[in-house]
Amino acid sequence: MNVSEINFGTSAGETVTETGLYRVFHDANHATVKDVVCLKGETLPQCVQCGSKVKFVLQKRLIHASQYARLVWPPEVRPKT
């Protein structure tokens, strides 16, 4: 399946509205479908070949470990959020 068969999803250059696992579809069959993690607030990247025609479709909403109240890091390794 390529992006011409997808009439939904988020396009390159748009802002990620939900952190999660996204499936990436390209404009042509030059790349296989991949799943990637995108973080809320990031700008979705372009494909080096099909540019902004790439589409991102949310597969599963995720939260960062730092947002899970039952997990804590020691102060010396606490991630920057």
Protein backbone atom coordinates (compact mmCIF):
# COMPACT_ATOMS: atom_id res chain seq x y z
CA MET A 1 0.00 0.00 0.00
CA ASN A 2 1.33 3.46 -0.77
CA VAL A 3 0.28 6.94 0.20
CA SER A 4 -2.00 7.40 -2.84
CA GLU A 5 -4.21 4.68 -1.33
CA ILE A 6 -4.33 6.43 2.06
CA ASN A 7 -6.97 9.13 2.51
CA PHE A 8 -6.30 9.65 6.21
CA GLY A 9 -3.33 10.12 8.50
CA THR A 10 -0.99 12.96 9.26
CA SER A 11 1.43 14.43 6.73
CA ALA A 12 5.08 15.42 6.98
CA GLY A 13 5.48 18.93 8.36
CA GLU A 14 2.44 18.67 10.64
CA THR A 15 2.72 18.66 14.42
CA VAL A 16 2.25 15.37 16.26
CA THR A 17 -0.88 15.67 18.41
CA GLU A 18 -0.48 12.39 20.30
CA THR A 19 2.61 10.47 21.37
CA GLY A 20 2.44 7.01 19.93
CA LEU A 21 3.45 4.35 17.46
CA TYR A 22 2.83 5.52 13.89
CA ARG A 23 2.86 3.53 10.66
CA VAL A 24 4.70 5.33 7.86
CA PHE A 25 3.40 5.09 4.27
CA HIS A 26 5.39 6.44 1.32
CA ASP A 27 4.21 7.94 -1.99
CA ALA A 28 5.74 5.13 -4.03
CA ASN A 29 7.04 1.64 -3.40
CA HIS A 30 10.60 2.85 -2.78
CA ALA A 31 10.42 2.01 0.94
CA THR A 32 8.75 -0.63 3.05
CA VAL A 33 6.11 0.30 5.59
CA LYS A 34 7.70 0.96 8.99
CA ASP A 35 6.39 1.71 12.45
CA VAL A 36 8.03 4.61 14.29
CA VAL A 37 7.55 6.40 17.61
CA CYS A 38 6.55 10.06 17.35
CA LEU A 39 6.33 12.38 20.35
CA LYS A 40 3.58 14.94 20.93
CA GLY A 41 4.67 18.40 19.84
CA GLU A 42 7.31 17.23 17.36
CA THR A 43 7.13 18.09 13.67
CA LEU A 44 6.74 15.04 11.44
CA PRO A 45 9.75 14.57 9.14
CA GLN A 46 9.82 14.29 5.36
CA CYS A 47 11.01 11.28 3.38
CA VAL A 48 14.36 11.71 1.63
CA GLN A 49 12.77 10.47 -1.59
CA CYS A 50 9.05 11.30 -1.65
CA GLY A 51 9.33 14.42 0.51
CA SER A 52 6.18 15.70 2.18
CA LYS A 53 3.96 13.09 0.52
CA VAL A 54 4.74 10.60 3.29
CA LYS A 55 1.82 9.83 5.67
CA PHE A 56 1.87 8.85 9.35
CA VAL A 57 -1.04 6.82 10.74
CA LEU A 58 -1.39 6.40 14.50
CA GLN A 59 -1.39 2.70 15.42
CA LYS A 60 -1.21 2.91 19.21
CA ARG A 61 -1.20 5.76 21.70
CA LEU A 62 1.76 5.66 24.08
CA ILE A 63 2.99 7.63 27.07
CA HIS A 64 6.60 8.41 27.94
CA ALA A 65 7.90 6.58 31.00
CA SER A 66 8.36 9.95 32.72
CA GLN A 67 4.58 10.43 32.58
CA TYR A 68 3.84 7.13 34.36
CA ALA A 69 3.45 7.93 38.07
CA ARG A 70 4.63 4.51 39.24
CA LEU A 71 8.06 4.88 37.64
CA VAL A 72 10.82 7.10 38.99
CA TRP A 73 14.49 7.57 38.15
CA PRO A 74 17.30 8.25 40.59
CA PRO A 75 18.12 11.99 40.43
CA GLU A 76 21.42 11.43 38.61
CA VAL A 77 19.74 9.73 35.62
CA ARG A 78 16.40 11.57 35.49
CA PRO A 79 15.51 12.33 31.84
CA LYS A 80 15.03 15.89 30.65
CA THR A 81 11.34 16.47 29.83
